[in-house]
Amino acid sequence: DAITNAKSGTFSEDPNFKCYIKCLLDQMAIVDEE
């Protein structure tokens, strides 16, 4: 699936998947600031 592919370096072109990754990165950035 898309998440497994991403872990192996294969990123989906699905806009929803890109949004999901952006949300993950945003959450990690918020955690890092604390």
C-alpha atoms as a PDB file:
ATOM      1  CA  ASP A   1       0.000   0.000   0.000  1.00  0.00           C
ATOM      2  CA  ALA A   2       0.974   3.683  -0.170  1.00  0.00           C
ATOM      3  CA  ILE A   3       2.544   3.868   3.302  1.00  0.00           C
ATOM      4  CA  THR A   4       4.631   0.730   2.772  1.00  0.00           C
ATOM      5  CA  ASN A   5       5.761   2.081  -0.601  1.00  0.00           C
ATOM      6  CA  ALA A   6       6.739   5.397   0.971  1.00  0.00           C
ATOM      7  CA  LYS A   7       8.867   3.624   3.576  1.00  0.00           C
ATOM      8  CA  SER A   8      10.739   1.920   0.740  1.00  0.00           C
ATOM      9  CA  GLY A   9      11.182   5.236  -1.094  1.00  0.00           C
ATOM     10  CA  THR A  10       8.344   4.932  -3.596  1.00  0.00           C
ATOM     11  CA  PHE A  11       6.072   7.927  -3.162  1.00  0.00           C
ATOM     12  CA  SER A  12       2.542   7.917  -4.509  1.00  0.00           C
ATOM     13  CA  GLU A  13       1.331  10.782  -6.697  1.00  0.00           C
ATOM     14  CA  ASP A  14      -2.048  10.668  -4.948  1.00  0.00           C
ATOM     15  CA  PRO A  15      -2.876  14.186  -3.648  1.00  0.00           C
ATOM     16  CA  ASN A  16      -4.447  12.694  -0.527  1.00  0.00           C
ATOM     17  CA  PHE A  17      -1.234  10.809   0.181  1.00  0.00           C
ATOM     18  CA  LYS A  18       0.831  13.975  -0.269  1.00  0.00           C
ATOM     19  CA  CYS A  19      -1.489  15.748   2.184  1.00  0.00           C
ATOM     20  CA  TYR A  20      -1.046  12.854   4.627  1.00  0.00           C
ATOM     21  CA  ILE A  21       2.748  13.162   4.421  1.00  0.00           C
ATOM     22  CA  LYS A  22       2.545  16.941   4.869  1.00  0.00           C
ATOM     23  CA  CYS A  23       0.364  16.455   7.943  1.00  0.00           C
ATOM     24  CA  LEU A  24       2.886  13.971   9.377  1.00  0.00           C
ATOM     25  CA  LEU A  25       5.757  16.382   8.781  1.00  0.00           C
ATOM     26  CA  ASP A  26       3.781  19.237  10.334  1.00  0.00           C
ATOM     27  CA  GLN A  27       3.054  17.120  13.413  1.00  0.00           C
ATOM     28  CA  MET A  28       6.729  16.161  13.753  1.00  0.00           C
ATOM     29  CA  ALA A  29       7.744  19.807  13.430  1.00  0.00           C
ATOM     30  CA  ILE A  30       5.340  20.776  16.214  1.00  0.00           C
ATOM     31  CA  VAL A  31       6.720  18.020  18.459  1.00  0.00           C
ATOM     32  CA  ASP A  32      10.310  19.071  17.713  1.00  0.00           C
ATOM     33  CA  GLU A  33       9.600  22.658  18.804  1.00  0.00           C
ATOM     34  CA  GLU A  34       8.621  21.622  22.328  1.00  0.00           C
END
